[in-house]
C-alpha atoms as a PDB file:
ATOM      1  CA  UNK A   1     161.359  11.592  33.940  1.00  0.00           C
ATOM      2  CA  UNK A   2     158.647  10.597  35.963  1.00  0.00           C
ATOM      3  CA  UNK A   3     159.208   8.128  38.711  1.00  0.00           C
ATOM      4  CA  UNK A   4     156.864   5.640  41.050  1.00  0.00           C
ATOM      5  CA  UNK A   5     156.629   8.832  43.408  1.00  0.00           C
ATOM      6  CA  UNK A   6     155.639  10.814  40.883  1.00  0.00           C
ATOM      7  CA  UNK A   7     152.769   8.267  39.269  1.00  0.00           C
ATOM      8  CA  UNK A   8     151.411   6.899  42.503  1.00  0.00           C
ATOM      9  CA  UNK A   9     149.469  10.452  43.596  1.00  0.00           C
ATOM     10  CA  UNK A  10     148.362  10.642  39.855  1.00  0.00           C
ATOM     11  CA  UNK A  11     146.731   6.967  39.967  1.00  0.00           C
ATOM     12  CA  UNK A  12     145.211   7.636  43.465  1.00  0.00           C
ATOM     13  CA  UNK A  13     144.111  11.199  41.857  1.00  0.00           C
ATOM     14  CA  UNK A  14     142.215   8.767  38.979  1.00  0.00           C
ATOM     15  CA  UNK A  15     140.884   6.368  41.122  1.00  0.00           C
ATOM     16  CA  UNK A  16     139.020   9.102  43.232  1.00  0.00           C
ATOM     17  CA  UNK A  17     137.523  10.545  40.156  1.00  0.00           C
ATOM     18  CA  UNK A  18     136.610   7.087  39.093  1.00  0.00           C
ATOM     19  CA  UNK A  19     134.658   6.844  42.261  1.00  0.00           C
ATOM     20  CA  UNK A  20     133.450  10.087  42.445  1.00  0.00           C
ATOM     21  CA  UNK A  21     131.965   9.508  38.773  1.00  0.00           C
ATOM     22  CA  UNK A  22     130.424   6.275  39.450  1.00  0.00           C
ATOM     23  CA  UNK A  23     128.900   7.263  42.836  1.00  0.00           C
ATOM     24  CA  UNK A  24     127.461  10.730  40.758  1.00  0.00           C
ATOM     25  CA  UNK A  25     126.139   8.519  38.211  1.00  0.00           C
ATOM     26  CA  UNK A  26     123.891   6.319  40.523  1.00  0.00           C
ATOM     27  CA  UNK A  27     121.000   6.565  42.588  1.00  0.00           C
ATOM     28  CA  UNK A  28     121.421   7.314  45.919  1.00  0.00           C
ATOM     29  CA  UNK A  29     119.283   6.189  49.039  1.00  0.00           C
ATOM     30  CA  UNK A  30     119.688   6.829  52.977  1.00  0.00           C
ATOM     31  CA  UNK A  31     117.929   4.464  55.138  1.00  0.00           C
ATOM     32  CA  UNK A  32     116.519   5.123  58.784  1.00  0.00           C
ATOM     33  CA  UNK A  33     120.300   3.680  60.346  1.00  0.00           C
ATOM     34  CA  UNK A  34     122.098   6.429  58.031  1.00  0.00           C
ATOM     35  CA  UNK A  35     123.072   3.567  55.709  1.00  0.00           C
ATOM     36  CA  UNK A  36     123.997   4.858  52.043  1.00  0.00           C
ATOM     37  CA  UNK A  37     122.856   2.616  49.224  1.00  0.00           C
ATOM     38  CA  UNK A  38     124.054   3.394  45.763  1.00  0.00           C
ATOM     39  CA  UNK A  39     122.816   1.486  43.106  1.00  0.00           C
ATOM     40  CA  UNK A  40     119.943   1.891  40.509  1.00  0.00           C
ATOM     41  CA  UNK A  41     116.639   2.644  41.587  1.00  0.00           C
ATOM     42  CA  UNK A  42     114.652  -0.253  39.621  1.00  0.00           C
ATOM     43  CA  UNK A  43     111.120   0.783  40.682  1.00  0.00           C
ATOM     44  CA  UNK A  44     108.650   1.515  43.237  1.00  0.00           C
ATOM     45  CA  UNK A  45     105.132  -0.352  43.929  1.00  0.00           C
ATOM     46  CA  UNK A  46     102.827  -1.341  46.728  1.00  0.00           C
ATOM     47  CA  UNK A  47     105.114   0.887  49.105  1.00  0.00           C
ATOM     48  CA  UNK A  48     108.235  -0.993  48.217  1.00  0.00           C
ATOM     49  CA  UNK A  49     111.071   0.523  46.556  1.00  0.00           C
ATOM     50  CA  UNK A  50     113.807  -1.731  44.742  1.00  0.00           C
ATOM     51  CA  UNK A  51     117.249  -0.840  44.030  1.00  0.00           C
ATOM     52  CA  UNK A  52     119.836  -2.775  42.666  1.00  0.00           C
ATOM     53  CA  UNK A  53     123.592  -2.817  43.712  1.00  0.00           C
ATOM     54  CA  UNK A  54     126.916  -3.968  42.535  1.00  0.00           C
ATOM     55  CA  UNK A  55     127.965  -5.453  45.318  1.00  0.00           C
ATOM     56  CA  UNK A  56     124.660  -7.868  46.231  1.00  0.00           C
ATOM     57  CA  UNK A  57     123.229 -10.533  44.181  1.00  0.00           C
ATOM     58  CA  UNK A  58     119.435  -9.645  44.867  1.00  0.00           C
ATOM     59  CA  UNK A  59     117.967  -6.377  44.922  1.00  0.00           C
ATOM     60  CA  UNK A  60     117.440  -4.389  47.946  1.00  0.00           C
ATOM     61  CA  UNK A  61     113.729  -3.974  49.054  1.00  0.00           C
ATOM     62  CA  UNK A  62     113.413  -0.689  51.239  1.00  0.00           C
ATOM     63  CA  UNK A  63     110.089   0.490  52.677  1.00  0.00           C
ATOM     64  CA  UNK A  64     109.577   3.654  50.691  1.00  0.00           C
ATOM     65  CA  UNK A  65     108.158   5.692  53.786  1.00  0.00           C
ATOM     66  CA  UNK A  66     110.978   4.924  55.844  1.00  0.00           C
ATOM     67  CA  UNK A  67     113.563   6.197  53.371  1.00  0.00           C
ATOM     68  CA  UNK A  68     115.354   9.674  54.628  1.00  0.00           C
ATOM     69  CA  UNK A  69     117.048  10.843  51.499  1.00  0.00           C
ATOM     70  CA  UNK A  70     116.796   9.932  47.954  1.00  0.00           C
ATOM     71  CA  UNK A  71     118.660  11.210  44.913  1.00  0.00           C
ATOM     72  CA  UNK A  72     118.449   9.505  41.183  1.00  0.00           C
ATOM     73  CA  UNK A  73     119.616  10.200  37.936  1.00  0.00           C
ATOM     74  CA  UNK A  74     117.401   7.434  36.467  1.00  0.00           C
ATOM     75  CA  UNK A  75     114.390   8.921  34.520  1.00  0.00           C
ATOM     76  CA  UNK A  76     111.295   7.460  36.119  1.00  0.00           C
ATOM     77  CA  UNK A  77     107.510   7.448  35.114  1.00  0.00           C
ATOM     78  CA  UNK A  78     106.341   9.291  38.766  1.00  0.00           C
ATOM     79  CA  UNK A  79     102.674   8.569  40.082  1.00  0.00           C
ATOM     80  CA  UNK A  80     101.597  11.020  42.654  1.00  0.00           C
ATOM     81  CA  UNK A  81      98.171  10.786  44.446  1.00  0.00           C
ATOM     82  CA  UNK A  82      95.351  12.009  42.775  1.00  0.00           C
ATOM     83  CA  UNK A  83      96.038   9.825  39.622  1.00  0.00           C
ATOM     84  CA  UNK A  84      98.858  12.367  38.616  1.00  0.00           C
ATOM     85  CA  UNK A  85     101.579  11.280  36.185  1.00  0.00           C
ATOM     86  CA  UNK A  86     104.763  13.081  35.659  1.00  0.00           C
ATOM     87  CA  UNK A  87     108.243  11.937  34.288  1.00  0.00           C
ATOM     88  CA  UNK A  88     111.525  12.920  35.984  1.00  0.00           C
ATOM     89  CA  UNK A  89     114.200  12.902  38.637  1.00  0.00           C
ATOM     90  CA  UNK A  90     113.744  12.822  42.358  1.00  0.00           C
ATOM     91  CA  UNK A  91     116.400  14.894  45.057  1.00  0.00           C
ATOM     92  CA  UNK A  92     115.654  15.049  48.889  1.00  0.00           C
ATOM     93  CA  UNK A  93     116.335  18.524  49.725  1.00  0.00           C
ATOM     94  CA  UNK A  94     117.940  19.672  53.169  1.00  0.00           C
ATOM     95  CA  UNK A  95     114.280  20.484  54.251  1.00  0.00           C
ATOM     96  CA  UNK A  96     113.073  16.716  54.077  1.00  0.00           C
ATOM     97  CA  UNK A  97     111.087  17.666  50.981  1.00  0.00           C
ATOM     98  CA  UNK A  98     111.242  16.004  47.542  1.00  0.00           C
ATOM     99  CA  UNK A  99     112.071  17.971  44.690  1.00  0.00           C
ATOM    100  CA  UNK A 100     110.522  16.289  41.254  1.00  0.00           C
ATOM    101  CA  UNK A 101     112.901  17.305  38.120  1.00  0.00           C
ATOM    102  CA  UNK A 102     109.834  17.211  35.728  1.00  0.00           C
ATOM    103  CA  UNK A 103     109.860  17.253  32.125  1.00  0.00           C
ATOM    104  CA  UNK A 104     106.615  18.613  31.535  1.00  0.00           C
ATOM    105  CA  UNK A 105     106.604  21.469  34.293  1.00  0.00           C
ATOM    106  CA  UNK A 106     109.851  21.829  35.866  1.00  0.00           C
ATOM    107  CA  UNK A 107     110.501  21.445  39.450  1.00  0.00           C
ATOM    108  CA  UNK A 108     107.364  19.933  41.548  1.00  0.00           C
ATOM    109  CA  UNK A 109     107.747  19.901  45.278  1.00  0.00           C
ATOM    110  CA  UNK A 110     106.116  16.668  46.795  1.00  0.00           C
ATOM    111  CA  UNK A 111     106.766  14.507  49.510  1.00  0.00           C
ATOM    112  CA  UNK A 112     107.268  10.653  50.238  1.00  0.00           C
ATOM    113  CA  UNK A 113     103.847   9.756  50.954  1.00  0.00           C
ATOM    114  CA  UNK A 114     102.375  11.707  48.174  1.00  0.00           C
ATOM    115  CA  UNK A 115     104.542   9.442  45.776  1.00  0.00           C
ATOM    116  CA  UNK A 116     103.019   6.287  44.875  1.00  0.00           C
ATOM    117  CA  UNK A 117     104.849   4.179  42.304  1.00  0.00           C
ATOM    118  CA  UNK A 118     108.086   4.851  40.446  1.00  0.00           C
ATOM    119  CA  UNK A 119     108.759   3.092  36.700  1.00  0.00           C
ATOM    120  CA  UNK A 120     112.165   3.331  34.972  1.00  0.00           C
ATOM    121  CA  UNK A 121     111.788   4.895  31.568  1.00  0.00           C
ATOM    122  CA  UNK A 122     113.675   3.240  28.436  1.00  0.00           C
ATOM    123  CA  UNK A 123     113.995  -0.131  30.483  1.00  0.00           C
ATOM    124  CA  UNK A 124     113.625  -3.352  28.813  1.00  0.00           C
ATOM    125  CA  UNK A 125     110.285  -5.145  28.322  1.00  0.00           C
ATOM    126  CA  UNK A 126     110.539  -7.725  30.637  1.00  0.00           C
ATOM    127  CA  UNK A 127     110.886  -5.186  33.737  1.00  0.00           C
ATOM    128  CA  UNK A 128     107.361  -3.616  32.582  1.00  0.00           C
ATOM    129  CA  UNK A 129     105.798  -6.909  32.588  1.00  0.00           C
ATOM    130  CA  UNK A 130     103.958  -8.873  35.620  1.00  0.00           C
ATOM    131  CA  UNK A 131     102.375 -12.154  35.874  1.00  0.00           C
ATOM    132  CA  UNK A 132     101.269 -14.778  38.295  1.00  0.00           C
ATOM    133  CA  UNK A 133      99.799 -18.179  37.896  1.00  0.00           C
ATOM    134  CA  UNK A 134      98.337 -20.532  40.953  1.00  0.00           C
ATOM    135  CA  UNK A 135      96.296 -23.874  40.572  1.00  0.00           C
ATOM    136  CA  UNK A 136      95.040 -26.769  42.693  1.00  0.00           C
ATOM    137  CA  UNK A 137      94.167 -30.622  41.682  1.00  0.00           C
ATOM    138  CA  UNK A 138      92.117 -32.750  43.506  1.00  0.00           C
ATOM    139  CA  UNK A 139      91.377 -36.763  43.185  1.00  0.00           C
ATOM    140  CA  UNK A 140      89.470 -38.794  45.389  1.00  0.00           C
ATOM    141  CA  UNK A 141      88.628 -42.786  45.123  1.00  0.00           C
ATOM    142  CA  UNK A 142      84.914 -42.038  46.231  1.00  0.00           C
ATOM    143  CA  UNK A 143      83.167 -41.445  42.949  1.00  0.00           C
ATOM    144  CA  UNK A 144      86.495 -41.252  40.931  1.00  0.00           C
ATOM    145  CA  UNK A 145      86.156 -37.293  41.652  1.00  0.00           C
ATOM    146  CA  UNK A 146      89.045 -35.345  39.320  1.00  0.00           C
ATOM    147  CA  UNK A 147      89.025 -31.587  40.058  1.00  0.00           C
ATOM    148  CA  UNK A 148      91.479 -29.432  38.395  1.00  0.00           C
ATOM    149  CA  UNK A 149      91.163 -24.967  38.854  1.00  0.00           C
ATOM    150  CA  UNK A 150      93.234 -22.256  37.739  1.00  0.00           C
ATOM    151  CA  UNK A 151      94.079 -18.804  38.213  1.00  0.00           C
ATOM    152  CA  UNK A 152      96.196 -16.566  36.231  1.00  0.00           C
ATOM    153  CA  UNK A 153      97.011 -13.318  35.199  1.00  0.00           C
ATOM    154  CA  UNK A 154      99.530 -11.381  32.993  1.00  0.00           C
ATOM    155  CA  UNK A 155      99.936  -7.129  32.823  1.00  0.00           C
ATOM    156  CA  UNK A 156     102.169  -4.736  31.069  1.00  0.00           C
ATOM    157  CA  UNK A 157     102.801  -1.103  32.227  1.00  0.00           C
ATOM    158  CA  UNK A 158     103.771   1.267  29.518  1.00  0.00           C
ATOM    159  CA  UNK A 159     104.251   5.362  30.234  1.00  0.00           C
ATOM    160  CA  UNK A 160     100.363   6.050  30.256  1.00  0.00           C
ATOM    161  CA  UNK A 161      98.667   3.099  29.527  1.00  0.00           C
ATOM    162  CA  UNK A 162      98.417  -0.562  31.018  1.00  0.00           C
ATOM    163  CA  UNK A 163      96.865  -3.675  29.434  1.00  0.00           C
ATOM    164  CA  UNK A 164      96.048  -6.878  31.389  1.00  0.00           C
ATOM    165  CA  UNK A 165      94.520 -10.148  31.063  1.00  0.00           C
ATOM    166  CA  UNK A 166      93.400 -13.053  33.147  1.00  0.00           C
ATOM    167  CA  UNK A 167      92.426 -16.599  32.747  1.00  0.00           C
ATOM    168  CA  UNK A 168      90.450 -18.812  35.249  1.00  0.00           C
ATOM    169  CA  UNK A 169      89.422 -22.154  34.920  1.00  0.00           C
ATOM    170  CA  UNK A 170      87.546 -24.913  36.860  1.00  0.00           C
ATOM    171  CA  UNK A 171      87.170 -28.844  35.457  1.00  0.00           C
ATOM    172  CA  UNK A 172      85.345 -31.047  37.670  1.00  0.00           C
ATOM    173  CA  UNK A 173      84.254 -34.711  36.707  1.00  0.00           C
ATOM    174  CA  UNK A 174      82.654 -37.693  38.804  1.00  0.00           C
ATOM    175  CA  UNK A 175      80.969 -40.808  38.472  1.00  0.00           C
ATOM    176  CA  UNK A 176      77.021 -40.175  39.084  1.00  0.00           C
ATOM    177  CA  UNK A 177      77.212 -36.647  38.326  1.00  0.00           C
ATOM    178  CA  UNK A 178      77.469 -34.356  35.020  1.00  0.00           C
ATOM    179  CA  UNK A 179      80.962 -32.405  34.141  1.00  0.00           C
ATOM    180  CA  UNK A 180      81.457 -28.984  35.898  1.00  0.00           C
ATOM    181  CA  UNK A 181      83.453 -26.757  33.430  1.00  0.00           C
ATOM    182  CA  UNK A 182      83.699 -22.961  34.150  1.00  0.00           C
ATOM    183  CA  UNK A 183      85.754 -20.436  32.433  1.00  0.00           C
ATOM    184  CA  UNK A 184      86.661 -16.592  32.753  1.00  0.00           C
ATOM    185  CA  UNK A 185      88.932 -14.857  30.459  1.00  0.00           C
ATOM    186  CA  UNK A 186      89.224 -11.278  29.087  1.00  0.00           C
ATOM    187  CA  UNK A 187      91.563  -8.499  28.798  1.00  0.00           C
ATOM    188  CA  UNK A 188      91.300  -5.143  29.906  1.00  0.00           C
ATOM    189  CA  UNK A 189      93.213  -1.665  28.547  1.00  0.00           C
ATOM    190  CA  UNK A 190      93.221   1.645  30.804  1.00  0.00           C
ATOM    191  CA  UNK A 191      94.705   4.940  29.433  1.00  0.00           C
ATOM    192  CA  UNK A 192      95.778   7.421  32.169  1.00  0.00           C
ATOM    193  CA  UNK A 193      95.621  11.213  30.926  1.00  0.00           C
ATOM    194  CA  UNK A 194      97.128  13.806  33.048  1.00  0.00           C
ATOM    195  CA  UNK A 195      93.539  14.569  34.344  1.00  0.00           C
ATOM    196  CA  UNK A 196      92.333  12.432  37.362  1.00  0.00           C
ATOM    197  CA  UNK A 197      90.164  10.263  35.446  1.00  0.00           C
ATOM    198  CA  UNK A 198      91.243   7.436  32.950  1.00  0.00           C
ATOM    199  CA  UNK A 199      89.764   5.646  30.124  1.00  0.00           C
ATOM    200  CA  UNK A 200      88.595   2.075  30.749  1.00  0.00           C
ATOM    201  CA  UNK A 201      88.089  -0.674  28.073  1.00  0.00           C
ATOM    202  CA  UNK A 202      87.780  -4.349  28.789  1.00  0.00           C
ATOM    203  CA  UNK A 203      86.450  -7.556  26.832  1.00  0.00           C
ATOM    204  CA  UNK A 204      85.397 -10.823  28.641  1.00  0.00           C
ATOM    205  CA  UNK A 205      84.376 -14.496  27.940  1.00  0.00           C
ATOM    206  CA  UNK A 206      82.826 -16.479  30.421  1.00  0.00           C
ATOM    207  CA  UNK A 207      80.831 -19.731  30.407  1.00  0.00           C
ATOM    208  CA  UNK A 208      79.364 -21.775  33.190  1.00  0.00           C
ATOM    209  CA  UNK A 209      77.839 -25.175  32.767  1.00  0.00           C
ATOM    210  CA  UNK A 210      75.731 -24.774  36.340  1.00  0.00           C
ATOM    211  CA  UNK A 211      74.055 -21.824  34.641  1.00  0.00           C
ATOM    212  CA  UNK A 212      73.618 -23.351  30.954  1.00  0.00           C
ATOM    213  CA  UNK A 213      75.804 -20.460  29.763  1.00  0.00           C
ATOM    214  CA  UNK A 214      77.363 -21.648  26.791  1.00  0.00           C
ATOM    215  CA  UNK A 215      79.223 -18.247  26.145  1.00  0.00           C
ATOM    216  CA  UNK A 216      78.606 -15.027  27.639  1.00  0.00           C
ATOM    217  CA  UNK A 217      80.974 -12.101  25.506  1.00  0.00           C
ATOM    218  CA  UNK A 218      80.832  -8.589  26.994  1.00  0.00           C
ATOM    219  CA  UNK A 219      82.681  -5.469  25.736  1.00  0.00           C
ATOM    220  CA  UNK A 220      82.899  -2.593  28.186  1.00  0.00           C
ATOM    221  CA  UNK A 221      83.723   1.069  27.548  1.00  0.00           C
ATOM    222  CA  UNK A 222      84.065   3.600  30.198  1.00  0.00           C
ATOM    223  CA  UNK A 223      85.622   5.777  32.764  1.00  0.00           C
ATOM    224  CA  UNK A 224      87.520   5.258  36.127  1.00  0.00           C
ATOM    225  CA  UNK A 225      88.765   7.252  38.897  1.00  0.00           C
ATOM    226  CA  UNK A 226      90.922   6.080  41.922  1.00  0.00           C
ATOM    227  CA  UNK A 227      89.657   7.908  45.046  1.00  0.00           C
ATOM    228  CA  UNK A 228      92.414   6.640  46.870  1.00  0.00           C
ATOM    229  CA  UNK A 229      95.846   5.811  46.076  1.00  0.00           C
ATOM    230  CA  UNK A 230      98.887   6.040  48.217  1.00  0.00           C
ATOM    231  CA  UNK A 231     101.112   3.589  49.690  1.00  0.00           C
ATOM    232  CA  UNK A 232      98.882   1.726  51.676  1.00  0.00           C
ATOM    233  CA  UNK A 233      95.921   1.180  49.836  1.00  0.00           C
ATOM    234  CA  UNK A 234      94.021   1.886  46.313  1.00  0.00           C
ATOM    235  CA  UNK A 235      90.569   2.243  45.668  1.00  0.00           C
ATOM    236  CA  UNK A 236      88.525   3.494  42.594  1.00  0.00           C
ATOM    237  CA  UNK A 237      85.224   3.418  40.911  1.00  0.00           C
ATOM    238  CA  UNK A 238      84.529   2.741  36.890  1.00  0.00           C
ATOM    239  CA  UNK A 239      81.455   3.847  35.279  1.00  0.00           C
ATOM    240  CA  UNK A 240      80.233   2.745  31.553  1.00  0.00           C
ATOM    241  CA  UNK A 241      78.163   0.575  29.141  1.00  0.00           C
ATOM    242  CA  UNK A 242      78.601  -2.558  27.666  1.00  0.00           C
ATOM    243  CA  UNK A 243      76.987  -4.744  24.962  1.00  0.00           C
ATOM    244  CA  UNK A 244      76.332  -8.216  26.228  1.00  0.00           C
ATOM    245  CA  UNK A 245      76.003 -11.330  23.960  1.00  0.00           C
ATOM    246  CA  UNK A 246      74.840 -14.650  25.167  1.00  0.00           C
ATOM    247  CA  UNK A 247      74.300 -18.122  23.872  1.00  0.00           C
ATOM    248  CA  UNK A 248      72.868 -21.023  26.119  1.00  0.00           C
ATOM    249  CA  UNK A 249      73.013 -24.701  26.018  1.00  0.00           C
ATOM    250  CA  UNK A 250      69.923 -25.556  28.086  1.00  0.00           C
ATOM    251  CA  UNK A 251      68.549 -26.595  24.104  1.00  0.00           C
ATOM    252  CA  UNK A 252      65.360 -24.236  24.974  1.00  0.00           C
ATOM    253  CA  UNK A 253      66.758 -20.412  25.314  1.00  0.00           C
ATOM    254  CA  UNK A 254      67.420 -18.385  22.485  1.00  0.00           C
ATOM    255  CA  UNK A 255      70.814 -16.473  21.802  1.00  0.00           C
ATOM    256  CA  UNK A 256      70.531 -12.890  23.264  1.00  0.00           C
ATOM    257  CA  UNK A 257      71.917  -9.454  22.778  1.00  0.00           C
ATOM    258  CA  UNK A 258      71.465  -6.949  25.404  1.00  0.00           C
ATOM    259  CA  UNK A 259      73.172  -3.574  26.692  1.00  0.00           C
ATOM    260  CA  UNK A 260      74.006  -3.052  30.182  1.00  0.00           C
ATOM    261  CA  UNK A 261      75.209  -0.162  32.244  1.00  0.00           C
ATOM    262  CA  UNK A 262      77.718  -1.131  34.615  1.00  0.00           C
ATOM    263  CA  UNK A 263      79.112   0.671  37.968  1.00  0.00           C
ATOM    264  CA  UNK A 264      82.100  -0.951  39.723  1.00  0.00           C
ATOM    265  CA  UNK A 265      84.567  -0.610  42.385  1.00  0.00           C
ATOM    266  CA  UNK A 266      88.011  -2.156  43.120  1.00  0.00           C
ATOM    267  CA  UNK A 267      90.288  -2.109  46.121  1.00  0.00           C
ATOM    268  CA  UNK A 268      94.105  -3.153  46.900  1.00  0.00           C
ATOM    269  CA  UNK A 269      95.329  -3.353  50.145  1.00  0.00           C
ATOM    270  CA  UNK A 270      99.442  -4.152  50.258  1.00  0.00           C
ATOM    271  CA  UNK A 271     100.655  -2.222  53.319  1.00  0.00           C
ATOM    272  CA  UNK A 272      99.957  -5.674  55.385  1.00  0.00           C
ATOM    273  CA  UNK A 273     103.533  -7.355  55.527  1.00  0.00           C
ATOM    274  CA  UNK A 274     103.067 -10.443  53.308  1.00  0.00           C
ATOM    275  CA  UNK A 275      99.706 -10.268  52.964  1.00  0.00           C
ATOM    276  CA  UNK A 276      97.822  -8.782  50.099  1.00  0.00           C
ATOM    277  CA  UNK A 277      94.143  -8.157  49.488  1.00  0.00           C
ATOM    278  CA  UNK A 278      92.586  -7.494  46.132  1.00  0.00           C
ATOM    279  CA  UNK A 279      89.016  -7.349  44.974  1.00  0.00           C
ATOM    280  CA  UNK A 280      86.145  -6.171  42.826  1.00  0.00           C
ATOM    281  CA  UNK A 281      82.303  -5.631  42.813  1.00  0.00           C
ATOM    282  CA  UNK A 282      80.711  -4.768  39.316  1.00  0.00           C
ATOM    283  CA  UNK A 283      76.936  -4.068  39.111  1.00  0.00           C
ATOM    284  CA  UNK A 284      74.998  -4.676  35.718  1.00  0.00           C
ATOM    285  CA  UNK A 285      71.816  -3.164  35.319  1.00  0.00           C
ATOM    286  CA  UNK A 286      70.110  -4.017  31.984  1.00  0.00           C
ATOM    287  CA  UNK A 287      68.827  -1.092  29.867  1.00  0.00           C
ATOM    288  CA  UNK A 288      67.174  -3.457  27.586  1.00  0.00           C
ATOM    289  CA  UNK A 289      66.065  -6.719  29.064  1.00  0.00           C
ATOM    290  CA  UNK A 290      63.283  -7.141  31.438  1.00  0.00           C
ATOM    291  CA  UNK A 291      61.170 -10.144  32.508  1.00  0.00           C
ATOM    292  CA  UNK A 292      58.364 -11.035  29.930  1.00  0.00           C
ATOM    293  CA  UNK A 293      55.747 -12.018  32.628  1.00  0.00           C
ATOM    294  CA  UNK A 294      56.470  -9.491  35.879  1.00  0.00           C
ATOM    295  CA  UNK A 295      58.417  -6.591  34.196  1.00  0.00           C
ATOM    296  CA  UNK A 296      60.978  -7.019  36.368  1.00  0.00           C
ATOM    297  CA  UNK A 297      64.511  -5.594  35.135  1.00  0.00           C
ATOM    298  CA  UNK A 298      67.379  -7.739  34.667  1.00  0.00           C
ATOM    299  CA  UNK A 299      70.087  -7.153  37.183  1.00  0.00           C
ATOM    300  CA  UNK A 300      73.527  -8.941  37.471  1.00  0.00           C
ATOM    301  CA  UNK A 301      76.869  -8.522  39.531  1.00  0.00           C
ATOM    302  CA  UNK A 302      79.932 -10.317  39.403  1.00  0.00           C
ATOM    303  CA  UNK A 303      82.193 -10.118  42.938  1.00  0.00           C
ATOM    304  CA  UNK A 304      85.928 -11.535  42.912  1.00  0.00           C
ATOM    305  CA  UNK A 305      88.092 -11.522  45.836  1.00  0.00           C
ATOM    306  CA  UNK A 306      91.617 -12.794  46.542  1.00  0.00           C
ATOM    307  CA  UNK A 307      94.041 -12.910  49.472  1.00  0.00           C
ATOM    308  CA  UNK A 308      97.562 -14.049  49.011  1.00  0.00           C
ATOM    309  CA  UNK A 309     100.370 -14.593  51.067  1.00  0.00           C
ATOM    310  CA  UNK A 310     103.818 -14.193  49.999  1.00  0.00           C
ATOM    311  CA  UNK A 311     106.573 -16.770  50.008  1.00  0.00           C
ATOM    312  CA  UNK A 312     110.192 -16.625  49.483  1.00  0.00           C
ATOM    313  CA  UNK A 313     111.505 -16.767  45.843  1.00  0.00           C
ATOM    314  CA  UNK A 314     108.552 -15.195  44.650  1.00  0.00           C
ATOM    315  CA  UNK A 315     106.134 -18.049  45.406  1.00  0.00           C
ATOM    316  CA  UNK A 316     102.940 -17.473  47.124  1.00  0.00           C
ATOM    317  CA  UNK A 317      99.975 -19.244  48.361  1.00  0.00           C
ATOM    318  CA  UNK A 318      96.165 -17.595  47.693  1.00  0.00           C
ATOM    319  CA  UNK A 319      92.479 -18.038  48.148  1.00  0.00           C
ATOM    320  CA  UNK A 320      89.934 -16.475  46.132  1.00  0.00           C
ATOM    321  CA  UNK A 321      86.245 -16.236  45.909  1.00  0.00           C
ATOM    322  CA  UNK A 322      84.404 -15.226  42.544  1.00  0.00           C
ATOM    323  CA  UNK A 323      80.591 -14.828  42.911  1.00  0.00           C
ATOM    324  CA  UNK A 324      78.283 -14.410  40.250  1.00  0.00           C
ATOM    325  CA  UNK A 325      74.538 -13.267  40.519  1.00  0.00           C
ATOM    326  CA  UNK A 326      71.911 -13.109  37.427  1.00  0.00           C
ATOM    327  CA  UNK A 327      68.187 -12.446  38.701  1.00  0.00           C
ATOM    328  CA  UNK A 328      67.141 -14.008  35.710  1.00  0.00           C
ATOM    329  CA  UNK A 329      69.410 -17.256  35.308  1.00  0.00           C
ATOM    330  CA  UNK A 330      67.898 -19.530  32.490  1.00  0.00           C
ATOM    331  CA  UNK A 331      68.974 -22.818  34.612  1.00  0.00           C
ATOM    332  CA  UNK A 332      70.458 -23.591  37.980  1.00  0.00           C
ATOM    333  CA  UNK A 333      70.361 -21.091  40.582  1.00  0.00           C
ATOM    334  CA  UNK A 334      70.571 -17.112  40.201  1.00  0.00           C
ATOM    335  CA  UNK A 335      74.027 -17.307  42.439  1.00  0.00           C
ATOM    336  CA  UNK A 336      76.821 -19.273  41.454  1.00  0.00           C
ATOM    337  CA  UNK A 337      80.392 -18.853  42.875  1.00  0.00           C
ATOM    338  CA  UNK A 338      83.975 -20.802  43.309  1.00  0.00           C
ATOM    339  CA  UNK A 339      86.330 -20.741  46.038  1.00  0.00           C
ATOM    340  CA  UNK A 340      90.045 -21.411  45.349  1.00  0.00           C
ATOM    341  CA  UNK A 341      92.473 -22.428  47.137  1.00  0.00           C
ATOM    342  CA  UNK A 342      96.331 -22.551  45.464  1.00  0.00           C
ATOM    343  CA  UNK A 343     100.103 -22.429  45.259  1.00  0.00           C
ATOM    344  CA  UNK A 344     101.462 -20.231  42.915  1.00  0.00           C
ATOM    345  CA  UNK A 345     104.398 -18.110  41.450  1.00  0.00           C
ATOM    346  CA  UNK A 346     104.613 -14.466  40.356  1.00  0.00           C
ATOM    347  CA  UNK A 347     106.917 -12.678  37.922  1.00  0.00           C
END
């Protein structure tokens, strides 16, 4: 007959086995102060790793390059420098290197600075989604000025492709002057094969009363490559071709359809504390349009630049510049720009 004296050691053994199983089934991090974190690694982005633990309401955020050891049981989509993407788990060796147990090519030796992002596989839709929106409103008694501006974006990342969209707008009305309305919105699809180049497709719509553009529609098709991609910054180039359709509101200029080449560069700096810098420049030399009198080829450029400062609880303040140049604008100046200051929230 079993007594309490016999049962206690058995219960203690079962408890140890249970704790051991929990530790084995969890992801593990070793921090610079030799503290261990046990939980579920949620992902790595912009040099910061997030891990969810049972003993904290909020996820821990750890500088990726400061981690001494990592071991995961969760499967990840792993992004490496050189635009390489594999799926598998991570384990730090005694020599300080990282073994990536991939599903494509078996074990792969890597290091912390070669790993750019981690994304959990088989995770929920919402964890793959990102979004932000910021806006500004101005009212003045003088001339009854009313102005509203907004910048927003949303994105979704799958295993080998991303889909993103944006919507930027400005409305301004005042006594004694014409209304100003500007809209810039569109969607971008990128597909990442195993090679360094990726496929790029974009559809965009643009309208601007300042340059008498009632609607400009374009559809880019091309390819891109990340030249720099690490835990501090990313920079890449995109090339391709786009058809262009335009309608104007000046009452004189006919609708226009043309074809352009495009060459673009995009950059993102994020290892700068609470600041982040995001920008792009696209140049569009026309293949089919030239000035009827001078014979000059049409040429356009689009520039965007955003500086964001993170606040607590996912709020932020941001300033951004959008500039458009067209050497054959039908109305107004060849150059038009919007400088935006806003307060926003990100998902």
